[in-house]
Amino acid sequence: MLFSPLSYEEKLYMSTAGPCIGFSQPVSLIHKVLVLTPFVPLHLATQNFTNNYLIMEKYPFTATGVAQLQLALYALNNEQLHEEADDLDINFVDWMDGHFILSEEQYGFMADSDADIISYISGQCSLALRNRLPILLDKPADVGARASKIIRPENKLATAWLSDGNYNISGELIIHITYG
């Protein structure tokens, strides 16, 4: 199902602060405020994001749900798919929350994860998505009591740069999630 970008309204407010360090005169400050539609989850309303999601439906965060989302994404034209891949790369946590049904625990785990790890995973997923390659989720269905979570991306992507400046890419990305 396609939809237009999440509706929000940008409003600019100007205020004046008294003299600030390094300034002898009062300083005018411009505040940019996003006024979101009332049905946006609170954790999204407090984030700085540019949501242009083209897929409205949320899928379960399971192997089947990942496959279903890929079918919907890969039905998009290249420009739309590249927009999605860019959004995923730039704002992975909110992109995941916008496309998958996540528990508060799952969202919190991603939001609290190290920025370098998020950057690595988002880059790998974005590359696979942009090139319409399989992204597979290997995650147990029922984990019971969880002592710890281990996420291990297995990159099986192969890239060849050509003399004309283009490239070929093939393979798949597998995201393994295990619990210890």
C-alpha atoms as a PDB file:
ATOM      1  CA  MET A   1       0.000   0.000   0.000  1.00  0.00           C
ATOM      2  CA  LEU A   2       1.448   3.403  -0.927  1.00  0.00           C
ATOM      3  CA  PHE A   3       0.886   6.700   0.814  1.00  0.00           C
ATOM      4  CA  SER A   4       2.194  10.211   0.684  1.00  0.00           C
ATOM      5  CA  PRO A   5       4.899  11.338   3.134  1.00  0.00           C
ATOM      6  CA  LEU A   6       3.898  11.485   6.778  1.00  0.00           C
ATOM      7  CA  SER A   7       2.059  14.720   7.167  1.00  0.00           C
ATOM      8  CA  TYR A   8       3.602  17.348   9.324  1.00  0.00           C
ATOM      9  CA  GLU A   9       3.765  21.085   9.278  1.00  0.00           C
ATOM     10  CA  GLU A  10       6.972  23.031   9.755  1.00  0.00           C
ATOM     11  CA  LYS A  11       6.575  26.237  11.704  1.00  0.00           C
ATOM     12  CA  LEU A  12       9.292  28.765  12.321  1.00  0.00           C
ATOM     13  CA  TYR A  13       9.234  30.776  15.520  1.00  0.00           C
ATOM     14  CA  MET A  14      11.554  33.655  16.273  1.00  0.00           C
ATOM     15  CA  SER A  15      12.549  34.639  19.762  1.00  0.00           C
ATOM     16  CA  THR A  16      15.130  36.995  21.141  1.00  0.00           C
ATOM     17  CA  ALA A  17      17.624  35.965  23.779  1.00  0.00           C
ATOM     18  CA  GLY A  18      19.486  38.482  25.903  1.00  0.00           C
ATOM     19  CA  PRO A  19      23.173  39.116  25.313  1.00  0.00           C
ATOM     20  CA  CYS A  20      25.003  35.804  24.984  1.00  0.00           C
ATOM     21  CA  ILE A  21      28.628  34.947  25.532  1.00  0.00           C
ATOM     22  CA  GLY A  22      30.562  36.391  22.601  1.00  0.00           C
ATOM     23  CA  PHE A  23      27.718  38.699  21.536  1.00  0.00           C
ATOM     24  CA  SER A  24      27.235  42.243  22.850  1.00  0.00           C
ATOM     25  CA  GLN A  25      23.719  42.600  21.394  1.00  0.00           C
ATOM     26  CA  PRO A  26      20.662  40.395  21.911  1.00  0.00           C
ATOM     27  CA  VAL A  27      20.582  37.433  19.543  1.00  0.00           C
ATOM     28  CA  SER A  28      17.534  36.433  17.490  1.00  0.00           C
ATOM     29  CA  LEU A  29      16.927  32.705  17.529  1.00  0.00           C
ATOM     30  CA  ILE A  30      14.831  30.874  14.963  1.00  0.00           C
ATOM     31  CA  HIS A  31      13.182  27.721  16.206  1.00  0.00           C
ATOM     32  CA  LYS A  32      11.981  25.129  13.718  1.00  0.00           C
ATOM     33  CA  VAL A  33       9.121  23.099  15.134  1.00  0.00           C
ATOM     34  CA  LEU A  34       7.468  20.103  13.515  1.00  0.00           C
ATOM     35  CA  VAL A  35       3.781  19.814  14.275  1.00  0.00           C
ATOM     36  CA  LEU A  36       2.881  16.190  13.598  1.00  0.00           C
ATOM     37  CA  THR A  37      -0.438  14.558  12.929  1.00  0.00           C
ATOM     38  CA  PRO A  38      -2.056  13.208  16.100  1.00  0.00           C
ATOM     39  CA  PHE A  39      -1.583   9.529  15.223  1.00  0.00           C
ATOM     40  CA  VAL A  40       2.229   9.529  15.321  1.00  0.00           C
ATOM     41  CA  PRO A  41       3.752   7.407  18.118  1.00  0.00           C
ATOM     42  CA  LEU A  42       5.247   9.558  20.848  1.00  0.00           C
ATOM     43  CA  HIS A  43       8.798   8.272  20.355  1.00  0.00           C
ATOM     44  CA  LEU A  44       8.598   9.373  16.691  1.00  0.00           C
ATOM     45  CA  ALA A  45       7.185  12.779  17.562  1.00  0.00           C
ATOM     46  CA  THR A  46      10.243  13.529  19.699  1.00  0.00           C
ATOM     47  CA  GLN A  47      12.817  12.497  17.066  1.00  0.00           C
ATOM     48  CA  ASN A  48      14.403  14.669  14.390  1.00  0.00           C
ATOM     49  CA  PHE A  49      13.485  12.795  11.235  1.00  0.00           C
ATOM     50  CA  THR A  50      12.507  13.173   7.622  1.00  0.00           C
ATOM     51  CA  ASN A  51      10.046  10.383   7.021  1.00  0.00           C
ATOM     52  CA  ASN A  52       9.201   9.749   3.380  1.00  0.00           C
ATOM     53  CA  TYR A  53       8.143   6.134   3.809  1.00  0.00           C
ATOM     54  CA  LEU A  54       6.307   4.814   0.789  1.00  0.00           C
ATOM     55  CA  ILE A  55       5.188   1.575   2.458  1.00  0.00           C
ATOM     56  CA  MET A  56       2.495   2.260   5.033  1.00  0.00           C
ATOM     57  CA  GLU A  57       1.842  -1.248   6.293  1.00  0.00           C
ATOM     58  CA  LYS A  58       3.912  -2.499   9.220  1.00  0.00           C
ATOM     59  CA  TYR A  59       5.093  -6.098   9.172  1.00  0.00           C
ATOM     60  CA  PRO A  60       5.939  -8.467  12.026  1.00  0.00           C
ATOM     61  CA  PHE A  61       9.659  -8.530  12.877  1.00  0.00           C
ATOM     62  CA  THR A  62      10.014 -12.152  11.805  1.00  0.00           C
ATOM     63  CA  ALA A  63      11.645 -13.909   8.854  1.00  0.00           C
ATOM     64  CA  THR A  64       8.261 -13.938   7.099  1.00  0.00           C
ATOM     65  CA  GLY A  65       7.623 -10.270   7.884  1.00  0.00           C
ATOM     66  CA  VAL A  66      11.040  -9.276   6.500  1.00  0.00           C
ATOM     67  CA  ALA A  67      10.299 -11.245   3.314  1.00  0.00           C
ATOM     68  CA  GLN A  68       6.855  -9.618   2.972  1.00  0.00           C
ATOM     69  CA  LEU A  69       8.311  -6.129   3.396  1.00  0.00           C
ATOM     70  CA  GLN A  70      10.941  -6.866   0.759  1.00  0.00           C
ATOM     71  CA  LEU A  71       8.241  -7.904  -1.707  1.00  0.00           C
ATOM     72  CA  ALA A  72       6.454  -4.586  -1.105  1.00  0.00           C
ATOM     73  CA  LEU A  73       9.679  -2.572  -1.352  1.00  0.00           C
ATOM     74  CA  TYR A  74      10.920  -4.364  -4.456  1.00  0.00           C
ATOM     75  CA  ALA A  75       7.604  -3.588  -6.177  1.00  0.00           C
ATOM     76  CA  LEU A  76       8.554   0.125  -5.997  1.00  0.00           C
ATOM     77  CA  ASN A  77      10.303   1.822  -8.895  1.00  0.00           C
ATOM     78  CA  ASN A  78      14.057   2.472  -8.553  1.00  0.00           C
ATOM     79  CA  GLU A  79      13.685   6.092  -7.459  1.00  0.00           C
ATOM     80  CA  GLN A  80      11.222   5.184  -4.716  1.00  0.00           C
ATOM     81  CA  LEU A  81      13.326   2.211  -3.606  1.00  0.00           C
ATOM     82  CA  HIS A  82      16.446   4.399  -3.425  1.00  0.00           C
ATOM     83  CA  GLU A  83      14.514   6.902  -1.259  1.00  0.00           C
ATOM     84  CA  GLU A  84      13.618   4.068   1.113  1.00  0.00           C
ATOM     85  CA  ALA A  85      17.234   2.833   1.129  1.00  0.00           C
ATOM     86  CA  ASP A  86      18.467   6.356   1.897  1.00  0.00           C
ATOM     87  CA  ASP A  87      15.954   6.719   4.738  1.00  0.00           C
ATOM     88  CA  LEU A  88      17.009   3.337   6.139  1.00  0.00           C
ATOM     89  CA  ASP A  89      20.681   4.331   5.999  1.00  0.00           C
ATOM     90  CA  ILE A  90      20.174   7.774   7.542  1.00  0.00           C
ATOM     91  CA  ASN A  91      17.716   6.879  10.299  1.00  0.00           C
ATOM     92  CA  PHE A  92      17.796   3.119  10.787  1.00  0.00           C
ATOM     93  CA  VAL A  93      16.001   2.897  14.134  1.00  0.00           C
ATOM     94  CA  ASP A  94      13.000   4.985  13.105  1.00  0.00           C
ATOM     95  CA  TRP A  95      12.908   3.349   9.651  1.00  0.00           C
ATOM     96  CA  MET A  96      12.695  -0.056  11.352  1.00  0.00           C
ATOM     97  CA  ASP A  97       9.966   1.236  13.671  1.00  0.00           C
ATOM     98  CA  GLY A  98       8.093   2.673  10.690  1.00  0.00           C
ATOM     99  CA  HIS A  99       8.143  -0.635   8.804  1.00  0.00           C
ATOM    100  CA  PHE A 100       7.993  -3.338  11.489  1.00  0.00           C
ATOM    101  CA  ILE A 101       5.791  -4.047  14.474  1.00  0.00           C
ATOM    102  CA  LEU A 102       8.343  -3.663  17.271  1.00  0.00           C
ATOM    103  CA  SER A 103       7.903  -4.062  20.984  1.00  0.00           C
ATOM    104  CA  GLU A 104       9.078  -1.257  23.249  1.00  0.00           C
ATOM    105  CA  GLU A 105      11.961  -3.551  24.241  1.00  0.00           C
ATOM    106  CA  GLN A 106      13.016  -4.062  20.609  1.00  0.00           C
ATOM    107  CA  TYR A 107      12.795  -0.345  19.820  1.00  0.00           C
ATOM    108  CA  GLY A 108      14.691   0.520  23.002  1.00  0.00           C
ATOM    109  CA  PHE A 109      17.414  -2.032  22.234  1.00  0.00           C
ATOM    110  CA  MET A 110      18.030  -0.474  18.814  1.00  0.00           C
ATOM    111  CA  ALA A 111      17.756   3.107  20.075  1.00  0.00           C
ATOM    112  CA  ASP A 112      20.306   2.385  22.825  1.00  0.00           C
ATOM    113  CA  SER A 113      22.736   0.506  20.555  1.00  0.00           C
ATOM    114  CA  ASP A 114      26.149   1.893  19.727  1.00  0.00           C
ATOM    115  CA  ALA A 115      26.038   4.363  16.810  1.00  0.00           C
ATOM    116  CA  ASP A 116      28.893   2.569  14.987  1.00  0.00           C
ATOM    117  CA  ILE A 117      27.009  -0.744  15.063  1.00  0.00           C
ATOM    118  CA  ILE A 118      23.801   0.898  13.849  1.00  0.00           C
ATOM    119  CA  SER A 119      25.769   2.628  11.081  1.00  0.00           C
ATOM    120  CA  TYR A 120      27.331  -0.659   9.966  1.00  0.00           C
ATOM    121  CA  ILE A 121      24.041  -2.571   9.905  1.00  0.00           C
ATOM    122  CA  SER A 122      22.120   0.275   8.259  1.00  0.00           C
ATOM    123  CA  GLY A 123      24.797   0.604   5.567  1.00  0.00           C
ATOM    124  CA  GLN A 124      24.711  -3.109   4.785  1.00  0.00           C
ATOM    125  CA  CYS A 125      20.902  -3.219   4.725  1.00  0.00           C
ATOM    126  CA  SER A 126      20.701  -0.075   2.591  1.00  0.00           C
ATOM    127  CA  LEU A 127      23.184  -1.473   0.055  1.00  0.00           C
ATOM    128  CA  ALA A 128      21.266  -4.752  -0.228  1.00  0.00           C
ATOM    129  CA  LEU A 129      17.917  -2.943  -0.455  1.00  0.00           C
ATOM    130  CA  ARG A 130      19.128  -0.451  -3.081  1.00  0.00           C
ATOM    131  CA  ASN A 131      20.294  -3.364  -5.244  1.00  0.00           C
ATOM    132  CA  ARG A 132      17.169  -5.500  -4.676  1.00  0.00           C
ATOM    133  CA  LEU A 133      19.166  -8.253  -2.997  1.00  0.00           C
ATOM    134  CA  PRO A 134      17.778 -10.661  -0.401  1.00  0.00           C
ATOM    135  CA  ILE A 135      17.909  -9.629   3.246  1.00  0.00           C
ATOM    136  CA  LEU A 136      17.174 -12.615   5.445  1.00  0.00           C
ATOM    137  CA  LEU A 137      16.351 -12.609   9.147  1.00  0.00           C
ATOM    138  CA  ASP A 138      17.467 -15.657  11.116  1.00  0.00           C
ATOM    139  CA  LYS A 139      15.753 -15.307  14.468  1.00  0.00           C
ATOM    140  CA  PRO A 140      14.161 -17.898  16.748  1.00  0.00           C
ATOM    141  CA  ALA A 141      10.384 -17.611  16.944  1.00  0.00           C
ATOM    142  CA  ASP A 142      10.041 -18.247  20.681  1.00  0.00           C
ATOM    143  CA  VAL A 143      12.994 -17.357  22.861  1.00  0.00           C
ATOM    144  CA  GLY A 144      11.489 -17.660  26.331  1.00  0.00           C
ATOM    145  CA  ALA A 145      13.631 -16.050  29.021  1.00  0.00           C
ATOM    146  CA  ARG A 146      16.360 -13.910  27.486  1.00  0.00           C
ATOM    147  CA  ALA A 147      19.730 -13.549  29.154  1.00  0.00           C
ATOM    148  CA  SER A 148      21.397 -11.609  26.345  1.00  0.00           C
ATOM    149  CA  LYS A 149      20.886 -10.808  22.687  1.00  0.00           C
ATOM    150  CA  ILE A 150      23.539 -11.362  20.006  1.00  0.00           C
ATOM    151  CA  ILE A 151      23.096  -9.785  16.579  1.00  0.00           C
ATOM    152  CA  ARG A 152      25.476 -10.978  13.898  1.00  0.00           C
ATOM    153  CA  PRO A 153      25.112  -9.674  10.338  1.00  0.00           C
ATOM    154  CA  GLU A 154      26.521 -12.101   7.772  1.00  0.00           C
ATOM    155  CA  ASN A 155      27.413 -10.178   4.653  1.00  0.00           C
ATOM    156  CA  LYS A 156      27.458 -12.429   1.589  1.00  0.00           C
ATOM    157  CA  LEU A 157      27.507  -9.509  -0.832  1.00  0.00           C
ATOM    158  CA  ALA A 158      30.027  -9.505  -3.678  1.00  0.00           C
ATOM    159  CA  THR A 159      30.825  -6.308  -5.540  1.00  0.00           C
ATOM    160  CA  ALA A 160      32.799  -5.775  -8.741  1.00  0.00           C
ATOM    161  CA  TRP A 161      33.726  -2.286  -9.946  1.00  0.00           C
ATOM    162  CA  LEU A 162      33.846  -1.957 -13.717  1.00  0.00           C
ATOM    163  CA  SER A 163      36.152   0.211 -15.816  1.00  0.00           C
ATOM    164  CA  ASP A 164      33.200   2.345 -16.973  1.00  0.00           C
ATOM    165  CA  GLY A 165      32.559   3.453 -13.371  1.00  0.00           C
ATOM    166  CA  ASN A 166      29.577   1.165 -12.794  1.00  0.00           C
ATOM    167  CA  TYR A 167      29.462  -1.799 -10.468  1.00  0.00           C
ATOM    168  CA  ASN A 168      27.824  -5.184 -10.193  1.00  0.00           C
ATOM    169  CA  ILE A 169      26.656  -6.487  -6.869  1.00  0.00           C
ATOM    170  CA  SER A 170      25.199  -9.866  -5.976  1.00  0.00           C
ATOM    171  CA  GLY A 171      24.613 -12.064  -2.960  1.00  0.00           C
ATOM    172  CA  GLU A 172      22.547 -11.704   0.173  1.00  0.00           C
ATOM    173  CA  LEU A 173      22.638 -10.288   3.673  1.00  0.00           C
ATOM    174  CA  ILE A 174      21.653 -12.477   6.601  1.00  0.00           C
ATOM    175  CA  ILE A 175      20.932 -10.963  10.001  1.00  0.00           C
ATOM    176  CA  HIS A 176      21.316 -13.610  12.717  1.00  0.00           C
ATOM    177  CA  ILE A 177      19.747 -12.893  16.098  1.00  0.00           C
ATOM    178  CA  THR A 178      20.458 -15.351  18.895  1.00  0.00           C
ATOM    179  CA  TYR A 179      19.931 -15.264  22.623  1.00  0.00           C
ATOM    180  CA  GLY A 180      22.349 -16.485  25.267  1.00  0.00           C
END
